[in-house]
Amino acid sequence: MLYTLDHHLLDVHIQLPNGKTTRPWLTAVKDECAEYFVGWYLGVGAPGAIEIAVALLDALRPHPDRIGMGLATDLMIDNGKDYRSYAIERLCAQLNANCHYTLPYRGSSKSIEPSFKILERDFVRELDGWCANNAQNKPEEINAVLTLDQVRLRMAEFFALYHARPNAGLGGLSPNQVVAQCQAAGWSPRYVPESALRLLKMRDAGATVTKYGVRLFGLDFWAEELATMQGAKVDLLYDPNNLFDIEVWHEDKLFCIAEQQAPISKLATVREVKDLMHRKGRLNKAAKKEWDFYHGLATNAEEILRKDHARQVAEAAADGVKLAVSSGGGVVQLFPETQHKLNEQAKFYSERERETAGLRKDRDLRMEALQDMLNNKEEDE
C-alpha cells in the first residue's frame, strides 16, 4: 500500500462568518493502489503541519461511513517543509512505514494530482461560487453562498460516490471493489493504536497550571487532578482535529486528561478555534476603540461641566453668597451639588454674622458703661 499526501486549493469561493469570501484548501491522503481517499481535511488559510496531522489522523482512525485502511507500508509526501515534520517521521519509524518525498518543484512526481483534477471537474465545478483556474473559463459572476461546513458535507458525499463508481485506472472497477478484492485475498488493514496516534498530536510545552486549569488557544481546560498542581509547568498534547479534551503531561508522564470548559464544539479544529479567537480579538479591539471614543466624549463633557461648575462657584462667591447672606436665600441657579455647597456657606456666614453682631452689641454696652463712669468722675471733680 502506498499513501500520497498533498494540499490543493479548490477553485471555489466560500462565505466566511465575517462576511468575507475565500478559497478553501484541501489536504488529502489517498491510497494509490485502490484510488481511495482514506483521509482528508478541508479548511481555510494556508495549510501547514497542523492540517497534515489532521488529515493523517483522519486516515488512520476507523470511520463508520467509509472503509478503514489503517496505515500503509509506504508514505509518499510532498517535499515542503511543513511535511518534513518530526512527528510524521517518528510515527513512520515506530510503525515500520517507509517515508518518501517527492521531487521538489516537480508536480508530475505527485500521483495525487490527477485525482485533484477529477475532483475539480466532477465536484468543485458544480458548486455555487466556482471561479475556475484560468481567466478564459472564469464565470462572469461568482456567487459565494456556501459555507465551509456545507462544502465539507458535500465533499464527504462526493467521496462516497467516487469510491463507489467505476474507475478507468482500475480496469473498470470501483475503489470499493478493489478494496473488497484485497480483503478477500487475505489483506487486512494495519490499524494504529491510540497510543501511537499520540505521536501525531501537537505539543504545547511549558504551560502553567492556574486555579482555572490550563489554557490553550484562549480556551480553558480543567481536570480535578489539576487542583493540586497550581503553579506547576506542564506540557499539553492535543489533537488538532478535536479540541474537546487535551492530555496534560508532567515530568514526561501522562498526568491527566483535561476537558474544555464551556466547549465551542466537540469537532472544532485548531484552525477554527484560532480563527474564532482572531475574530473575537478584532471585535474586542473595535469595541474598545468605540468605548475610547465615547469615553473621550464623556471626559470632554465632564471637563466642560467641571469648568462651568467652577465658573458658577466663582460667580456665586462674588455675588450669590452675599445676596444669600443678606436676603436669606440664593438667587443664582446652579447645579444641586453647587447649590447645596452655597447654602452651607450661606448658613456659615449667617452664623458668623450673628456672632459678630452679638460681640458688637456687647462691646457697645461696655463702651457706654465706661463712658458713663468717666462722665460721673468729671462731674465729681
Protein backbone atom coordinates (compact mmCIF):
# COMPACT_ATOMS: atom_id res chain seq x y z
CA MET A 1 0.00 0.00 0.00
CA LEU A 2 1.16 3.48 -0.86
CA TYR A 3 -0.36 6.65 0.59
CA THR A 4 0.21 10.04 -1.01
CA LEU A 5 -0.35 13.32 0.83
CA ASP A 6 -0.71 16.76 -0.67
CA HIS A 7 -2.51 20.13 -0.45
CA HIS A 8 -4.84 21.54 -3.08
CA LEU A 9 -6.51 24.96 -3.36
CA LEU A 10 -10.09 24.49 -4.55
CA ASP A 11 -11.42 26.67 -7.37
CA VAL A 12 -14.44 27.86 -5.43
CA HIS A 13 -15.19 30.85 -3.22
CA ILE A 14 -16.97 30.27 0.08
CA GLN A 15 -18.62 32.60 2.57
CA LEU A 16 -16.86 33.24 5.89
CA PRO A 17 -18.66 34.14 9.15
CA ASN A 18 -17.26 37.69 8.97
CA GLY A 19 -18.90 38.27 5.57
CA LYS A 20 -15.71 37.95 3.54
CA THR A 21 -15.03 35.28 0.93
CA THR A 22 -12.05 32.96 0.40
CA ARG A 23 -10.99 29.76 -1.33
CA PRO A 24 -10.62 26.66 0.89
CA TRP A 25 -7.63 24.33 0.97
CA LEU A 26 -7.90 20.54 0.83
CA THR A 27 -5.28 18.34 2.50
CA ALA A 28 -5.85 14.78 1.28
CA VAL A 29 -4.41 11.31 1.92
CA LYS A 30 -5.04 8.84 -0.93
CA ASP A 31 -4.25 5.17 -1.33
CA GLU A 32 -2.72 4.85 -4.80
CA CYS A 33 -3.40 1.13 -5.13
CA ALA A 34 -7.17 1.49 -4.80
CA GLU A 35 -7.58 5.17 -5.74
CA TYR A 36 -9.24 5.57 -2.34
CA PHE A 37 -9.26 8.81 -0.31
CA VAL A 38 -8.58 7.42 3.16
CA GLY A 39 -8.41 10.77 4.94
CA TRP A 40 -8.80 14.47 4.25
CA TYR A 41 -9.24 17.86 5.82
CA LEU A 42 -10.83 20.98 4.35
CA GLY A 43 -10.02 24.36 5.89
CA VAL A 44 -9.23 27.99 5.18
CA GLY A 45 -5.87 29.69 5.33
CA ALA A 46 -2.50 28.44 4.12
CA PRO A 47 -2.15 24.80 5.25
CA GLY A 48 0.76 23.56 7.32
CA ALA A 49 1.80 20.85 9.75
CA ILE A 50 -1.49 21.07 11.67
CA GLU A 51 -3.58 20.28 8.59
CA ILE A 52 -1.26 17.38 7.70
CA ALA A 53 -1.64 15.91 11.19
CA VAL A 54 -5.44 16.29 11.00
CA ALA A 55 -5.62 14.53 7.62
CA LEU A 56 -3.34 11.70 8.78
CA LEU A 57 -5.33 11.21 11.97
CA ASP A 58 -8.48 11.09 9.84
CA ALA A 59 -6.88 8.44 7.64
CA LEU A 60 -5.57 6.22 10.44
CA ARG A 61 -8.74 6.12 12.53
CA PRO A 62 -11.73 3.91 11.58
CA HIS A 63 -14.88 5.63 10.29
CA PRO A 64 -18.40 4.25 10.02
CA ASP A 65 -19.03 5.90 6.62
CA ARG A 66 -16.00 4.54 4.75
CA ILE A 67 -13.69 1.55 4.61
CA GLY A 68 -10.89 1.60 7.16
CA MET A 69 -7.49 1.22 5.52
CA GLY A 70 -5.18 1.68 8.50
CA LEU A 71 -1.54 2.58 7.96
CA ALA A 72 0.17 1.98 4.64
CA THR A 73 3.60 0.46 4.31
CA ASP A 74 4.82 3.50 2.35
CA LEU A 75 4.03 7.21 2.54
CA MET A 76 4.76 9.50 -0.43
CA ILE A 77 4.60 13.08 0.76
CA ASP A 78 5.46 16.49 -0.58
CA ASN A 79 8.95 17.91 -0.21
CA GLY A 80 7.73 21.08 1.52
CA LYS A 81 8.99 21.99 4.96
CA ASP A 82 5.53 21.56 6.52
CA TYR A 83 5.65 17.88 5.53
CA ARG A 84 9.10 17.34 6.98
CA SER A 85 7.63 17.07 10.44
CA TYR A 86 9.42 15.27 13.24
CA ALA A 87 6.07 13.81 14.36
CA ILE A 88 5.44 12.22 10.94
CA GLU A 89 8.95 10.77 10.72
CA ARG A 90 8.73 9.45 14.28
CA LEU A 91 5.36 7.80 13.55
CA CYS A 92 6.73 6.11 10.41
CA ALA A 93 9.80 4.89 12.29
CA GLN A 94 7.77 3.44 15.17
CA LEU A 95 5.25 1.69 12.90
CA ASN A 96 7.78 0.47 10.31
CA ALA A 97 6.38 2.59 7.50
CA ASN A 98 8.68 3.97 4.82
CA CYS A 99 8.53 7.73 4.29
CA HIS A 100 9.34 9.03 0.77
CA TYR A 101 9.50 12.60 -0.51
CA THR A 102 8.56 13.79 -3.99
CA LEU A 103 10.99 15.70 -6.20
CA PRO A 104 10.99 19.41 -5.45
CA TYR A 105 9.23 21.66 -7.99
CA ARG A 106 8.05 18.61 -9.96
CA GLY A 107 4.25 18.44 -9.94
CA SER A 108 4.36 15.40 -12.22
CA SER A 109 6.01 13.39 -9.43
CA LYS A 110 2.83 13.68 -7.34
CA SER A 111 0.49 10.89 -8.34
CA ILE A 112 -2.37 12.51 -6.45
CA GLU A 113 -2.55 15.48 -8.84
CA PRO A 114 -4.75 13.71 -11.46
CA SER A 115 -7.24 12.90 -8.71
CA PHE A 116 -7.42 16.58 -7.77
CA LYS A 117 -8.25 17.36 -11.42
CA ILE A 118 -11.10 14.83 -11.32
CA LEU A 119 -12.28 16.40 -8.06
CA GLU A 120 -12.34 19.83 -9.69
CA ARG A 121 -14.11 18.61 -12.82
CA ASP A 122 -16.79 16.43 -11.24
CA PHE A 123 -17.37 18.17 -7.91
CA VAL A 124 -15.98 21.69 -7.45
CA ARG A 125 -17.18 22.93 -10.85
CA GLU A 126 -20.80 22.21 -9.84
CA LEU A 127 -20.64 24.25 -6.65
CA ASP A 128 -22.03 27.76 -6.27
CA GLY A 129 -19.07 30.12 -6.17
CA TRP A 130 -16.94 28.22 -8.71
CA CYS A 131 -14.22 30.55 -10.01
CA ALA A 132 -12.25 28.35 -12.48
CA ASN A 133 -8.48 28.09 -12.58
CA ASN A 134 -7.86 30.45 -15.50
CA ALA A 135 -9.22 33.71 -16.89
CA GLN A 136 -10.70 32.09 -20.01
CA ASN A 137 -13.12 29.86 -18.09
CA LYS A 138 -13.83 32.32 -15.29
CA PRO A 139 -17.60 32.92 -14.94
CA GLU A 140 -18.98 36.44 -15.26
CA GLU A 141 -20.36 36.38 -11.75
CA ILE A 142 -19.16 34.44 -8.71
CA ASN A 143 -21.81 33.86 -6.04
CA ALA A 144 -20.05 32.77 -2.86
CA VAL A 145 -23.02 31.50 -0.86
CA LEU A 146 -21.76 28.19 0.55
CA THR A 147 -20.11 27.96 3.96
CA LEU A 148 -17.12 25.81 4.84
CA ASP A 149 -19.28 23.27 6.69
CA GLN A 150 -21.62 22.98 3.70
CA VAL A 151 -18.71 22.29 1.35
CA ARG A 152 -17.31 19.71 3.79
CA LEU A 153 -20.64 17.88 3.87
CA ARG A 154 -20.94 17.87 0.08
CA MET A 155 -17.33 16.74 -0.29
CA ALA A 156 -17.95 13.77 2.01
CA GLU A 157 -20.95 12.84 -0.15
CA PHE A 158 -18.84 13.16 -3.32
CA PHE A 159 -16.07 10.93 -1.95
CA ALA A 160 -18.69 8.28 -1.11
CA LEU A 161 -19.90 8.37 -4.73
CA TYR A 162 -16.33 8.47 -6.06
CA HIS A 163 -15.39 5.34 -4.13
CA ALA A 164 -18.46 3.51 -5.47
CA ARG A 165 -18.26 4.39 -9.17
CA PRO A 166 -16.13 2.55 -11.79
CA ASN A 167 -12.64 3.92 -12.36
CA ALA A 168 -10.86 3.56 -15.71
CA GLY A 169 -7.50 3.43 -13.97
CA LEU A 170 -8.67 0.37 -12.02
CA GLY A 171 -9.84 -1.59 -15.06
CA GLY A 172 -13.44 -0.51 -14.70
CA LEU A 173 -13.64 -1.47 -11.02
CA SER A 174 -14.59 0.95 -8.27
CA PRO A 175 -12.24 1.73 -5.36
CA ASN A 176 -14.63 -0.11 -3.04
CA GLN A 177 -14.45 -3.23 -5.24
CA VAL A 178 -10.66 -3.13 -5.32
CA VAL A 179 -10.51 -2.94 -1.53
CA ALA A 180 -13.01 -5.80 -1.26
CA GLN A 181 -10.84 -7.95 -3.57
CA CYS A 182 -7.77 -7.21 -1.46
CA GLN A 183 -9.66 -8.22 1.68
CA ALA A 184 -10.83 -11.43 0.00
CA ALA A 185 -7.21 -12.20 -0.89
CA GLY A 186 -6.24 -12.05 2.78
CA TRP A 187 -5.26 -8.41 3.19
CA SER A 188 -6.26 -6.74 6.42
CA PRO A 189 -5.70 -3.11 7.46
CA ARG A 190 -2.97 -2.22 9.94
CA TYR A 191 -4.91 -0.24 12.49
CA VAL A 192 -2.82 2.12 14.56
CA PRO A 193 -3.33 2.02 18.34
CA GLU A 194 -4.35 5.26 20.01
CA SER A 195 -1.06 5.30 21.91
CA ALA A 196 0.80 5.51 18.59
CA LEU A 197 -1.55 8.18 17.23
CA ARG A 198 -0.41 10.31 20.13
CA LEU A 199 2.78 10.86 18.13
CA LEU A 200 0.76 12.92 15.64
CA LYS A 201 -0.66 15.15 18.33
CA MET A 202 0.69 18.66 18.62
CA ARG A 203 2.63 19.70 21.71
CA ASP A 204 2.47 22.95 23.67
CA ALA A 205 5.35 22.96 26.15
CA GLY A 206 5.71 24.97 29.33
CA ALA A 207 2.06 25.73 30.12
CA THR A 208 1.36 26.95 33.67
CA VAL A 209 -1.41 25.44 35.79
CA THR A 210 -3.67 28.08 37.36
CA LYS A 211 -6.72 27.86 39.58
CA TYR A 212 -8.76 27.67 36.37
CA GLY A 213 -6.71 24.77 34.96
CA VAL A 214 -4.58 25.19 31.82
CA ARG A 215 -5.13 27.49 28.85
CA LEU A 216 -4.64 26.66 25.17
CA PHE A 217 -5.59 28.92 22.23
CA GLY A 218 -7.57 31.13 24.60
CA LEU A 219 -9.63 28.17 25.91
CA ASP A 220 -9.62 26.87 29.49
CA PHE A 221 -9.23 23.15 30.20
CA TRP A 222 -9.87 21.62 33.60
CA ALA A 223 -9.48 18.31 35.44
CA GLU A 224 -9.85 17.62 39.17
CA GLU A 225 -6.23 16.42 39.32
CA LEU A 226 -5.03 19.93 38.42
CA ALA A 227 -6.35 21.36 41.71
CA THR A 228 -3.14 20.32 43.47
CA MET A 229 -0.83 21.44 40.64
CA GLN A 230 -1.26 25.22 40.69
CA GLY A 231 1.88 26.99 39.53
CA ALA A 232 3.43 23.85 38.01
CA LYS A 233 4.78 23.74 34.46
CA VAL A 234 3.21 21.07 32.24
CA ASP A 235 3.20 20.02 28.58
CA LEU A 236 -0.06 19.83 26.64
CA LEU A 237 -0.73 17.33 23.84
CA TYR A 238 -3.78 17.97 21.68
CA ASP A 239 -5.48 16.54 18.64
CA PRO A 240 -5.61 19.34 16.03
CA ASN A 241 -8.92 17.93 14.77
CA ASN A 242 -10.63 17.88 18.16
CA LEU A 243 -10.04 20.32 21.00
CA PHE A 244 -12.72 18.92 23.29
CA ASP A 245 -10.05 17.48 25.60
CA ILE A 246 -6.26 17.52 25.84
CA GLU A 247 -3.55 15.47 27.52
CA VAL A 248 -1.62 17.06 30.38
CA TRP A 249 1.92 15.71 30.79
CA HIS A 250 4.14 16.34 33.81
CA GLU A 251 7.73 15.12 34.12
CA ASP A 252 7.39 13.08 30.89
CA LYS A 253 4.36 11.19 32.23
CA LEU A 254 0.68 11.46 31.35
CA PHE A 255 -0.81 13.25 34.36
CA CYS A 256 -4.48 13.64 33.38
CA ILE A 257 -6.99 14.38 30.62
CA ALA A 258 -8.38 17.92 30.86
CA GLU A 259 -11.70 18.82 29.25
CA GLN A 260 -12.57 22.11 27.64
CA GLN A 261 -14.70 24.41 29.79
CA ALA A 262 -17.71 25.98 28.01
CA PRO A 263 -16.82 24.00 24.87
CA ILE A 264 -17.15 25.69 21.50
CA SER A 265 -17.69 22.41 19.69
CA LYS A 266 -16.50 18.85 20.06
CA LEU A 267 -15.49 18.95 16.40
CA ALA A 268 -13.70 22.32 16.50
CA THR A 269 -10.24 22.18 14.97
CA VAL A 270 -7.21 24.24 15.93
CA ARG A 271 -7.51 26.39 12.82
CA GLU A 272 -11.20 27.09 13.51
CA VAL A 273 -10.50 27.97 17.14
CA LYS A 274 -7.69 30.29 16.10
CA ASP A 275 -9.95 31.97 13.54
CA LEU A 276 -12.64 32.36 16.21
CA MET A 277 -10.16 33.89 18.64
CA HIS A 278 -8.90 36.26 15.94
CA ARG A 279 -12.47 37.38 15.22
CA LYS A 280 -13.05 37.78 18.94
CA GLY A 281 -9.88 39.86 19.21
CA ARG A 282 -10.94 42.06 16.31
CA LEU A 283 -14.39 42.56 17.86
CA ASN A 284 -12.82 43.38 21.23
CA LYS A 285 -10.47 45.84 19.53
CA ALA A 286 -13.35 47.51 17.68
CA ALA A 287 -15.42 47.63 20.88
CA LYS A 288 -12.51 49.16 22.81
CA LYS A 289 -11.98 51.75 20.07
CA GLU A 290 -15.65 52.69 20.20
CA TRP A 291 -15.57 52.76 24.01
CA ASP A 292 -12.49 55.01 23.94
CA PHE A 293 -14.28 57.35 21.53
CA TYR A 294 -17.37 57.71 23.72
CA HIS A 295 -15.27 57.80 26.87
CA GLY A 296 -13.34 60.69 25.32
CA LEU A 297 -16.58 62.48 24.59
CA ALA A 298 -17.76 61.86 28.14
CA THR A 299 -14.45 63.07 29.55
CA ASN A 300 -14.60 66.26 27.46
CA ALA A 301 -18.18 66.84 28.53
CA GLU A 302 -17.23 66.27 32.16
CA GLU A 303 -14.35 68.72 31.80
CA ILE A 304 -16.69 71.32 30.31
CA LEU A 305 -19.17 70.81 33.11
CA ARG A 306 -16.39 70.98 35.70
CA LYS A 307 -15.15 74.29 34.30
CA ASP A 308 -18.71 75.60 34.15
CA HIS A 309 -19.19 74.44 37.72
CA ALA A 310 -16.03 76.28 38.83
CA ARG A 311 -17.12 79.43 36.95
CA GLN A 312 -20.53 79.40 38.60
CA VAL A 313 -18.98 78.83 42.01
CA ALA A 314 -16.65 81.78 41.43
CA GLU A 315 -19.55 83.97 40.37
CA ALA A 316 -21.59 82.84 43.35
CA ALA A 317 -18.70 83.56 45.70
CA ALA A 318 -18.57 87.08 44.33
CA ASP A 319 -22.29 87.77 44.15
CA GLY A 320 -24.55 84.92 45.12
CA VAL A 321 -23.17 84.32 48.62
CA LYS A 322 -23.52 87.95 49.61
CA LEU A 323 -27.07 88.02 48.34
CA ALA A 324 -27.77 84.76 50.13
CA VAL A 325 -26.42 86.19 53.40
CA SER A 326 -28.20 89.48 53.15
CA SER A 327 -31.53 88.23 51.81
CA GLY A 328 -31.61 84.80 53.41
CA GLY A 329 -31.77 82.91 50.10
CA GLY A 330 -29.69 82.34 46.97
CA VAL A 331 -30.65 83.89 43.67
CA VAL A 332 -28.19 82.03 41.38
CA GLN A 333 -29.47 78.93 39.52
CA LEU A 334 -26.77 76.28 39.92
CA PHE A 335 -26.30 72.51 39.90
CA PRO A 336 -27.81 70.80 43.01
CA GLU A 337 -24.34 69.98 44.39
CA THR A 338 -23.21 73.58 43.93
CA GLN A 339 -26.42 74.97 45.39
CA HIS A 340 -26.00 72.73 48.45
CA LYS A 341 -22.45 73.98 48.99
CA LEU A 342 -23.59 77.59 48.65
CA ASN A 343 -26.40 77.01 51.12
CA GLU A 344 -23.90 75.58 53.60
CA GLN A 345 -21.64 78.59 53.06
CA ALA A 346 -24.57 80.99 53.48
CA LYS A 347 -25.54 79.25 56.72
CA PHE A 348 -21.97 79.53 57.97
CA TYR A 349 -21.74 83.23 57.09
CA SER A 350 -25.14 83.90 58.73
CA GLU A 351 -23.99 82.27 61.97
CA ARG A 352 -20.77 84.25 61.90
CA GLU A 353 -22.76 87.42 61.27
CA ARG A 354 -24.97 86.74 64.30
CA GLU A 355 -21.93 86.06 66.46
CA THR A 356 -20.28 89.25 65.24
CA ALA A 357 -23.45 91.25 65.88
CA GLY A 358 -23.61 89.93 69.47
CA LEU A 359 -19.97 90.84 70.06
CA ARG A 360 -20.53 94.33 68.65
CA LYS A 361 -23.56 94.81 70.92
CA ASP A 362 -21.62 93.65 73.99
CA ARG A 363 -18.77 95.95 73.02
CA ASP A 364 -21.12 98.89 72.63
CA LEU A 365 -22.67 98.26 76.07
CA ARG A 366 -19.26 98.11 77.68
CA MET A 367 -18.22 101.32 75.91
CA GLU A 368 -21.38 103.06 77.12
CA ALA A 369 -20.78 101.88 80.69
CA LEU A 370 -17.16 103.09 80.57
CA GLN A 371 -18.25 106.45 79.14
CA ASP A 372 -20.80 106.86 81.98
CA MET A 373 -18.11 106.17 84.56
CA LEU A 374 -15.85 108.82 83.00
CA ASN A 375 -18.67 111.38 82.90
CA ASN A 376 -19.54 110.77 86.55
CA LYS A 377 -15.90 111.21 87.58
CA GLU A 378 -15.61 114.53 85.76
CA GLU A 379 -18.81 115.84 87.49
CA ASP A 380 -17.43 114.89 90.91
CA GLU A 381 -14.27 116.85 90.30
